[in-house]
């Protein structure tokens, strides 16, 4: 699933809602259009959230002390956020 699928579903749904005036027996094309449009918006939002989550970076630093023990420091940060001043 990606942005392309979401945009495609949104476009097809809105075309069914606003541009198609035909009817099918037992099928309301306007309702189908609204459902496709909502699924398209949901796909776009889920793709954006997944992409934002994947941009997080974790830095791990290992320090060896003179007595032989090790200290591990982890720092998580988002790559798209500028550093604080």
PDB file of N, CA and C in Angstrom:
ATOM      1  N   UNK A   1       0.846  -1.163   0.000  1.00  0.00           N
ATOM      2  CA  UNK A   1       0.000   0.000   0.000  1.00  0.00           C
ATOM      3  C   UNK A   1       0.897   1.233   0.000  1.00  0.00           C
ATOM      4  N   UNK A   2       0.540   2.233  -0.723  1.00  0.00           N
ATOM      5  CA  UNK A   2       1.351   3.439  -0.760  1.00  0.00           C
ATOM      6  C   UNK A   2       0.513   4.633  -1.165  1.00  0.00           C
ATOM      7  N   UNK A   3       1.238   5.711  -1.417  1.00  0.00           N
ATOM      8  CA  UNK A   3       0.542   6.935  -1.817  1.00  0.00           C
ATOM      9  C   UNK A   3      -0.217   6.739  -3.129  1.00  0.00           C
ATOM     10  N   UNK A   4       0.364   6.003  -4.044  1.00  0.00           N
ATOM     11  CA  UNK A   4      -0.270   5.799  -5.348  1.00  0.00           C
ATOM     12  C   UNK A   4      -1.618   5.108  -5.246  1.00  0.00           C
ATOM     13  N   UNK A   5      -1.671   4.053  -4.437  1.00  0.00           N
ATOM     14  CA  UNK A   5      -2.934   3.336  -4.262  1.00  0.00           C
ATOM     15  C   UNK A   5      -3.972   4.229  -3.598  1.00  0.00           C
ATOM     16  N   UNK A   6      -3.565   4.988  -2.605  1.00  0.00           N
ATOM     17  CA  UNK A   6      -4.493   5.881  -1.927  1.00  0.00           C
ATOM     18  C   UNK A   6      -5.049   6.944  -2.847  1.00  0.00           C
ATOM     19  N   UNK A   7      -4.187   7.546  -3.644  1.00  0.00           N
ATOM     20  CA  UNK A   7      -4.632   8.582  -4.582  1.00  0.00           C
ATOM     21  C   UNK A   7      -5.546   7.975  -5.641  1.00  0.00           C
ATOM     22  N   UNK A   8      -5.209   6.772  -6.103  1.00  0.00           N
ATOM     23  CA  UNK A   8      -6.044   6.101  -7.103  1.00  0.00           C
ATOM     24  C   UNK A   8      -7.446   5.826  -6.555  1.00  0.00           C
ATOM     25  N   UNK A   9      -7.519   5.257  -5.346  1.00  0.00           N
ATOM     26  CA  UNK A   9      -8.827   4.972  -4.754  1.00  0.00           C
ATOM     27  C   UNK A   9      -9.620   6.248  -4.497  1.00  0.00           C
ATOM     28  N   UNK A  10      -8.945   7.280  -4.045  1.00  0.00           N
ATOM     29  CA  UNK A  10      -9.608   8.561  -3.816  1.00  0.00           C
ATOM     30  C   UNK A  10     -10.163   9.125  -5.119  1.00  0.00           C
ATOM     31  N   UNK A  11      -9.377   9.081  -6.176  1.00  0.00           N
ATOM     32  CA  UNK A  11      -9.817   9.615  -7.473  1.00  0.00           C
ATOM     33  C   UNK A  11     -10.996   8.820  -8.038  1.00  0.00           C
ATOM     34  N   UNK A  12     -10.898   7.499  -7.996  1.00  0.00           N
ATOM     35  CA  UNK A  12     -12.000   6.670  -8.520  1.00  0.00           C
ATOM     36  C   UNK A  12     -13.266   6.910  -7.702  1.00  0.00           C
ATOM     37  N   UNK A  13     -13.111   6.988  -6.387  1.00  0.00           N
ATOM     38  CA  UNK A  13     -14.277   7.230  -5.541  1.00  0.00           C
ATOM     39  C   UNK A  13     -14.944   8.555  -5.835  1.00  0.00           C
ATOM     40  N   UNK A  14     -14.140   9.609  -5.963  1.00  0.00           N
ATOM     41  CA  UNK A  14     -14.726  10.924  -6.238  1.00  0.00           C
ATOM     42  C   UNK A  14     -15.322  11.008  -7.639  1.00  0.00           C
ATOM     43  N   UNK A  15     -14.751  10.283  -8.582  1.00  0.00           N
ATOM     44  CA  UNK A  15     -15.348  10.221  -9.923  1.00  0.00           C
ATOM     45  C   UNK A  15     -16.717   9.556  -9.858  1.00  0.00           C
ATOM     46  N   UNK A  16     -16.810   8.459  -9.089  1.00  0.00           N
ATOM     47  CA  UNK A  16     -18.110   7.798  -8.955  1.00  0.00           C
ATOM     48  C   UNK A  16     -19.131   8.698  -8.265  1.00  0.00           C
ATOM     49  N   UNK A  17     -18.697   9.478  -7.315  1.00  0.00           N
ATOM     50  CA  UNK A  17     -19.628  10.344  -6.580  1.00  0.00           C
ATOM     51  C   UNK A  17     -20.093  11.508  -7.440  1.00  0.00           C
ATOM     52  N   UNK A  18     -19.162  12.197  -8.091  1.00  0.00           N
ATOM     53  CA  UNK A  18     -19.497  13.460  -8.748  1.00  0.00           C
ATOM     54  C   UNK A  18     -19.700  13.382 -10.259  1.00  0.00           C
ATOM     55  N   UNK A  19     -19.135  12.381 -10.945  1.00  0.00           N
ATOM     56  CA  UNK A  19     -19.173  12.401 -12.404  1.00  0.00           C
ATOM     57  C   UNK A  19     -20.054  11.323 -13.021  1.00  0.00           C
ATOM     58  N   UNK A  20     -20.410  10.320 -12.272  1.00  0.00           N
ATOM     59  CA  UNK A  20     -21.200   9.225 -12.837  1.00  0.00           C
ATOM     60  C   UNK A  20     -22.653   9.392 -12.414  1.00  0.00           C
ATOM     61  N   UNK A  21     -23.532   9.372 -13.405  1.00  0.00           N
ATOM     62  CA  UNK A  21     -24.957   9.491 -13.104  1.00  0.00           C
ATOM     63  C   UNK A  21     -25.723   8.234 -13.498  1.00  0.00           C
ATOM     64  N   UNK A  22     -25.029   7.204 -13.952  1.00  0.00           N
ATOM     65  CA  UNK A  22     -25.681   5.942 -14.302  1.00  0.00           C
ATOM     66  C   UNK A  22     -26.080   5.187 -13.037  1.00  0.00           C
ATOM     67  N   UNK A  23     -26.957   4.240 -13.217  1.00  0.00           N
ATOM     68  CA  UNK A  23     -27.376   3.419 -12.095  1.00  0.00           C
ATOM     69  C   UNK A  23     -27.200   1.954 -12.450  1.00  0.00           C
ATOM     70  N   UNK A  24     -26.905   1.172 -11.448  1.00  0.00           N
ATOM     71  CA  UNK A  24     -26.850  -0.275 -11.606  1.00  0.00           C
ATOM     72  C   UNK A  24     -27.919  -0.874 -10.710  1.00  0.00           C
ATOM     73  N   UNK A  25     -28.467  -1.981 -11.138  1.00  0.00           N
ATOM     74  CA  UNK A  25     -29.515  -2.624 -10.355  1.00  0.00           C
ATOM     75  C   UNK A  25     -28.935  -3.157  -9.040  1.00  0.00           C
ATOM     76  N   UNK A  26     -29.435  -2.629  -7.932  1.00  0.00           N
ATOM     77  CA  UNK A  26     -29.014  -3.103  -6.624  1.00  0.00           C
ATOM     78  C   UNK A  26     -27.728  -2.506  -6.103  1.00  0.00           C
ATOM     79  N   UNK A  27     -27.098  -1.568  -6.843  1.00  0.00           N
ATOM     80  CA  UNK A  27     -25.834  -0.962  -6.412  1.00  0.00           C
ATOM     81  C   UNK A  27     -25.971   0.555  -6.453  1.00  0.00           C
ATOM     82  N   UNK A  28     -25.704   1.195  -5.354  1.00  0.00           N
ATOM     83  CA  UNK A  28     -25.716   2.648  -5.297  1.00  0.00           C
ATOM     84  C   UNK A  28     -24.282   3.135  -5.548  1.00  0.00           C
ATOM     85  N   UNK A  29     -24.028   3.666  -6.735  1.00  0.00           N
ATOM     86  CA  UNK A  29     -22.672   4.064  -7.113  1.00  0.00           C
ATOM     87  C   UNK A  29     -22.153   5.226  -6.271  1.00  0.00           C
ATOM     88  N   UNK A  30     -23.027   6.078  -5.792  1.00  0.00           N
ATOM     89  CA  UNK A  30     -22.583   7.178  -4.939  1.00  0.00           C
ATOM     90  C   UNK A  30     -22.033   6.649  -3.607  1.00  0.00           C
ATOM     91  N   UNK A  31     -22.699   5.659  -3.043  1.00  0.00           N
ATOM     92  CA  UNK A  31     -22.222   5.066  -1.794  1.00  0.00           C
ATOM     93  C   UNK A  31     -20.899   4.344  -2.011  1.00  0.00           C
ATOM     94  N   UNK A  32     -20.801   3.605  -3.096  1.00  0.00           N
ATOM     95  CA  UNK A  32     -19.541   2.928  -3.424  1.00  0.00           C
ATOM     96  C   UNK A  32     -18.427   3.954  -3.619  1.00  0.00           C
ATOM     97  N   UNK A  33     -18.742   5.066  -4.251  1.00  0.00           N
ATOM     98  CA  UNK A  33     -17.762   6.130  -4.460  1.00  0.00           C
ATOM     99  C   UNK A  33     -17.276   6.722  -3.155  1.00  0.00           C
ATOM    100  N   UNK A  34     -18.199   6.993  -2.222  1.00  0.00           N
ATOM    101  CA  UNK A  34     -17.799   7.545  -0.929  1.00  0.00           C
ATOM    102  C   UNK A  34     -16.947   6.552  -0.142  1.00  0.00           C
ATOM    103  N   UNK A  35     -17.290   5.276  -0.229  1.00  0.00           N
ATOM    104  CA  UNK A  35     -16.489   4.256   0.473  1.00  0.00           C
ATOM    105  C   UNK A  35     -15.084   4.200  -0.108  1.00  0.00           C
ATOM    106  N   UNK A  36     -14.966   4.203  -1.431  1.00  0.00           N
ATOM    107  CA  UNK A  36     -13.636   4.181  -2.060  1.00  0.00           C
ATOM    108  C   UNK A  36     -12.839   5.434  -1.713  1.00  0.00           C
ATOM    109  N   UNK A  37     -13.501   6.583  -1.679  1.00  0.00           N
ATOM    110  CA  UNK A  37     -12.809   7.826  -1.334  1.00  0.00           C
ATOM    111  C   UNK A  37     -12.291   7.774   0.102  1.00  0.00           C
ATOM    112  N   UNK A  38     -13.105   7.260   1.031  1.00  0.00           N
ATOM    113  CA  UNK A  38     -12.658   7.169   2.428  1.00  0.00           C
ATOM    114  C   UNK A  38     -11.513   6.172   2.591  1.00  0.00           C
ATOM    115  N   UNK A  39     -11.576   5.061   1.886  1.00  0.00           N
ATOM    116  CA  UNK A  39     -10.482   4.080   1.945  1.00  0.00           C
ATOM    117  C   UNK A  39      -9.213   4.689   1.352  1.00  0.00           C
ATOM    118  N   UNK A  40      -9.339   5.485   0.307  1.00  0.00           N
ATOM    119  CA  UNK A  40      -8.182   6.161  -0.281  1.00  0.00           C
ATOM    120  C   UNK A  40      -7.541   7.135   0.690  1.00  0.00           C
ATOM    121  N   UNK A  41      -8.357   7.922   1.385  1.00  0.00           N
ATOM    122  CA  UNK A  41      -7.820   8.858   2.380  1.00  0.00           C
ATOM    123  C   UNK A  41      -7.140   8.091   3.508  1.00  0.00           C
ATOM    124  N   UNK A  42      -7.754   6.998   3.945  1.00  0.00           N
ATOM    125  CA  UNK A  42      -7.159   6.174   5.001  1.00  0.00           C
ATOM    126  C   UNK A  42      -5.818   5.589   4.558  1.00  0.00           C
ATOM    127  N   UNK A  43      -5.727   5.136   3.308  1.00  0.00           N
ATOM    128  CA  UNK A  43      -4.472   4.597   2.785  1.00  0.00           C
ATOM    129  C   UNK A  43      -3.384   5.665   2.758  1.00  0.00           C
ATOM    130  N   UNK A  44      -3.735   6.882   2.366  1.00  0.00           N
ATOM    131  CA  UNK A  44      -2.758   7.971   2.331  1.00  0.00           C
ATOM    132  C   UNK A  44      -2.275   8.292   3.750  1.00  0.00           C
ATOM    133  N   UNK A  45      -3.201   8.352   4.701  1.00  0.00           N
ATOM    134  CA  UNK A  45      -2.824   8.661   6.086  1.00  0.00           C
ATOM    135  C   UNK A  45      -1.951   7.561   6.688  1.00  0.00           C
ATOM    136  N   UNK A  46      -2.305   6.303   6.456  1.00  0.00           N
ATOM    137  CA  UNK A  46      -1.498   5.201   6.989  1.00  0.00           C
ATOM    138  C   UNK A  46      -0.100   5.172   6.371  1.00  0.00           C
ATOM    139  N   UNK A  47      -0.008   5.475   5.092  1.00  0.00           N
ATOM    140  CA  UNK A  47       1.301   5.534   4.446  1.00  0.00           C
ATOM    141  C   UNK A  47       2.140   6.658   5.029  1.00  0.00           C
ATOM    142  N   UNK A  48       1.521   7.808   5.269  1.00  0.00           N
ATOM    143  CA  UNK A  48       2.253   8.940   5.854  1.00  0.00           C
ATOM    144  C   UNK A  48       2.734   8.603   7.264  1.00  0.00           C
ATOM    145  N   UNK A  49       1.884   7.980   8.072  1.00  0.00           N
ATOM    146  CA  UNK A  49       2.279   7.608   9.430  1.00  0.00           C
ATOM    147  C   UNK A  49       3.393   6.577   9.431  1.00  0.00           C
ATOM    148  N   UNK A  50       3.311   5.608   8.532  1.00  0.00           N
ATOM    149  CA  UNK A  50       4.351   4.585   8.437  1.00  0.00           C
ATOM    150  C   UNK A  50       5.669   5.197   7.990  1.00  0.00           C
ATOM    151  N   UNK A  51       5.619   6.120   7.065  1.00  0.00           N
ATOM    152  CA  UNK A  51       6.834   6.779   6.590  1.00  0.00           C
ATOM    153  C   UNK A  51       7.463   7.614   7.691  1.00  0.00           C
ATOM    154  N   UNK A  52       6.636   8.314   8.462  1.00  0.00           N
ATOM    155  CA  UNK A  52       7.173   9.127   9.562  1.00  0.00           C
ATOM    156  C   UNK A  52       7.824   8.241  10.617  1.00  0.00           C
ATOM    157  N   UNK A  53       7.226   7.105  10.900  1.00  0.00           N
ATOM    158  CA  UNK A  53       7.775   6.195  11.900  1.00  0.00           C
ATOM    159  C   UNK A  53       9.101   5.601  11.419  1.00  0.00           C
ATOM    160  N   UNK A  54       9.234   5.346  10.128  1.00  0.00           N
ATOM    161  CA  UNK A  54      10.461   4.757   9.591  1.00  0.00           C
ATOM    162  C   UNK A  54      11.615   5.749   9.577  1.00  0.00           C
ATOM    163  N   UNK A  55      11.340   7.032   9.653  1.00  0.00           N
ATOM    164  CA  UNK A  55      12.401   8.040   9.613  1.00  0.00           C
ATOM    165  C   UNK A  55      13.104   8.236  10.943  1.00  0.00           C
ATOM    166  N   UNK A  56      12.632   7.602  11.984  1.00  0.00           N
ATOM    167  CA  UNK A  56      13.294   7.730  13.276  1.00  0.00           C
ATOM    168  C   UNK A  56      14.615   6.985  13.245  1.00  0.00           C
ATOM    169  N   UNK A  57      15.602   7.572  13.848  1.00  0.00           N
ATOM    170  CA  UNK A  57      16.930   6.971  13.893  1.00  0.00           C
ATOM    171  C   UNK A  57      17.312   6.710  15.340  1.00  0.00           C
ATOM    172  N   UNK A  58      18.038   5.629  15.562  1.00  0.00           N
ATOM    173  CA  UNK A  58      18.526   5.303  16.896  1.00  0.00           C
ATOM    174  C   UNK A  58      20.040   5.216  16.830  1.00  0.00           C
ATOM    175  N   UNK A  59      20.700   5.942  17.712  1.00  0.00           N
ATOM    176  CA  UNK A  59      22.159   5.931  17.790  1.00  0.00           C
ATOM    177  C   UNK A  59      22.562   5.169  19.043  1.00  0.00           C
ATOM    178  N   UNK A  60      23.472   4.214  18.860  1.00  0.00           N
ATOM    179  CA  UNK A  60      23.955   3.419  19.983  1.00  0.00           C
ATOM    180  C   UNK A  60      25.445   3.677  20.130  1.00  0.00           C
ATOM    181  N   UNK A  61      25.862   4.039  21.344  1.00  0.00           N
ATOM    182  CA  UNK A  61      27.283   4.287  21.618  1.00  0.00           C
ATOM    183  C   UNK A  61      27.728   3.349  22.734  1.00  0.00           C
ATOM    184  N   UNK A  62      28.831   2.638  22.510  1.00  0.00           N
ATOM    185  CA  UNK A  62      29.403   1.755  23.526  1.00  0.00           C
ATOM    186  C   UNK A  62      30.705   2.368  24.028  1.00  0.00           C
ATOM    187  N   UNK A  63      30.806   2.439  25.335  1.00  0.00           N
ATOM    188  CA  UNK A  63      32.007   2.976  25.960  1.00  0.00           C
ATOM    189  C   UNK A  63      32.610   1.878  26.837  1.00  0.00           C
ATOM    190  N   UNK A  64      33.887   1.606  26.615  1.00  0.00           N
ATOM    191  CA  UNK A  64      34.569   0.619  27.454  1.00  0.00           C
ATOM    192  C   UNK A  64      35.301   1.353  28.562  1.00  0.00           C
ATOM    193  N   UNK A  65      34.953   1.055  29.792  1.00  0.00           N
ATOM    194  CA  UNK A  65      35.565   1.681  30.959  1.00  0.00           C
ATOM    195  C   UNK A  65      36.929   1.036  31.261  1.00  0.00           C
ATOM    196  N   UNK A  66      37.790   1.718  32.014  1.00  0.00           N
ATOM    197  CA  UNK A  66      39.106   1.172  32.337  1.00  0.00           C
ATOM    198  C   UNK A  66      39.044  -0.173  33.072  1.00  0.00           C
ATOM    199  N   UNK A  67      37.978  -0.438  33.802  1.00  0.00           N
ATOM    200  CA  UNK A  67      37.886  -1.710  34.528  1.00  0.00           C
ATOM    201  C   UNK A  67      37.366  -2.843  33.652  1.00  0.00           C
ATOM    202  N   UNK A  68      37.098  -2.578  32.372  1.00  0.00           N
ATOM    203  CA  UNK A  68      36.663  -3.605  31.432  1.00  0.00           C
ATOM    204  C   UNK A  68      35.162  -3.654  31.225  1.00  0.00           C
ATOM    205  N   UNK A  69      34.397  -2.971  32.046  1.00  0.00           N
ATOM    206  CA  UNK A  69      32.952  -2.965  31.870  1.00  0.00           C
ATOM    207  C   UNK A  69      32.587  -2.033  30.718  1.00  0.00           C
ATOM    208  N   UNK A  70      31.419  -2.276  30.164  1.00  0.00           N
ATOM    209  CA  UNK A  70      30.957  -1.460  29.036  1.00  0.00           C
ATOM    210  C   UNK A  70      29.682  -0.712  29.410  1.00  0.00           C
ATOM    211  N   UNK A  71      29.566   0.475  28.883  1.00  0.00           N
ATOM    212  CA  UNK A  71      28.371   1.293  29.062  1.00  0.00           C
ATOM    213  C   UNK A  71      27.751   1.513  27.683  1.00  0.00           C
ATOM    214  N   UNK A  72      26.464   1.235  27.581  1.00  0.00           N
ATOM    215  CA  UNK A  72      25.757   1.404  26.313  1.00  0.00           C
ATOM    216  C   UNK A  72      24.778   2.565  26.465  1.00  0.00           C
ATOM    217  N   UNK A  73      24.853   3.511  25.529  1.00  0.00           N
ATOM    218  CA  UNK A  73      23.965   4.659  25.527  1.00  0.00           C
ATOM    219  C   UNK A  73      23.175   4.651  24.224  1.00  0.00           C
ATOM    220  N   UNK A  74      21.843   4.710  24.330  1.00  0.00           N
ATOM    221  CA  UNK A  74      20.991   4.771  23.145  1.00  0.00           C
ATOM    222  C   UNK A  74      20.293   6.116  23.099  1.00  0.00           C
ATOM    223  N   UNK A  75      20.189   6.656  21.899  1.00  0.00           N
ATOM    224  CA  UNK A  75      19.497   7.921  21.707  1.00  0.00           C
ATOM    225  C   UNK A  75      18.626   7.803  20.474  1.00  0.00           C
ATOM    226  N   UNK A  76      17.324   8.013  20.653  1.00  0.00           N
ATOM    227  CA  UNK A  76      16.398   7.994  19.525  1.00  0.00           C
ATOM    228  C   UNK A  76      16.088   9.409  19.098  1.00  0.00           C
ATOM    229  N   UNK A  77      16.025   9.614  17.824  1.00  0.00           N
ATOM    230  CA  UNK A  77      15.684  10.941  17.313  1.00  0.00           C
ATOM    231  C   UNK A  77      14.980  10.778  15.983  1.00  0.00           C
ATOM    232  N   UNK A  78      14.188  11.785  15.657  1.00  0.00           N
ATOM    233  CA  UNK A  78      13.538  11.825  14.351  1.00  0.00           C
ATOM    234  C   UNK A  78      14.421  12.635  13.427  1.00  0.00           C
ATOM    235  N   UNK A  79      14.651  12.137  12.230  1.00  0.00           N
ATOM    236  CA  UNK A  79      15.549  12.799  11.290  1.00  0.00           C
ATOM    237  C   UNK A  79      14.959  14.040  10.676  1.00  0.00           C
ATOM    238  N   UNK A  80      13.635  14.159  10.657  1.00  0.00           N
ATOM    239  CA  UNK A  80      13.021  15.312   9.987  1.00  0.00           C
ATOM    240  C   UNK A  80      12.832  16.498  10.936  1.00  0.00           C
ATOM    241  N   UNK A  81      13.253  16.373  12.181  1.00  0.00           N
ATOM    242  CA  UNK A  81      13.111  17.470  13.134  1.00  0.00           C
ATOM    243  C   UNK A  81      14.450  18.192  13.280  1.00  0.00           C
ATOM    244  N   UNK A  82      14.493  19.516  13.087  1.00  0.00           N
ATOM    245  CA  UNK A  82      15.745  20.232  13.246  1.00  0.00           C
ATOM    246  C   UNK A  82      16.185  20.237  14.708  1.00  0.00           C
ATOM    247  N   UNK A  83      17.479  20.304  14.977  1.00  0.00           N
ATOM    248  CA  UNK A  83      17.939  20.324  16.360  1.00  0.00           C
ATOM    249  C   UNK A  83      17.466  21.576  17.084  1.00  0.00           C
ATOM    250  N   UNK A  84      17.243  21.458  18.389  1.00  0.00           N
ATOM    251  CA  UNK A  84      16.775  22.582  19.180  1.00  0.00           C
ATOM    252  C   UNK A  84      17.937  23.566  19.406  1.00  0.00           C
ATOM    253  N   UNK A  85      17.580  24.843  19.430  1.00  0.00           N
ATOM    254  CA  UNK A  85      18.607  25.887  19.621  1.00  0.00           C
ATOM    255  C   UNK A  85      18.604  26.343  21.044  1.00  0.00           C
TER     256      UNK A  85
END
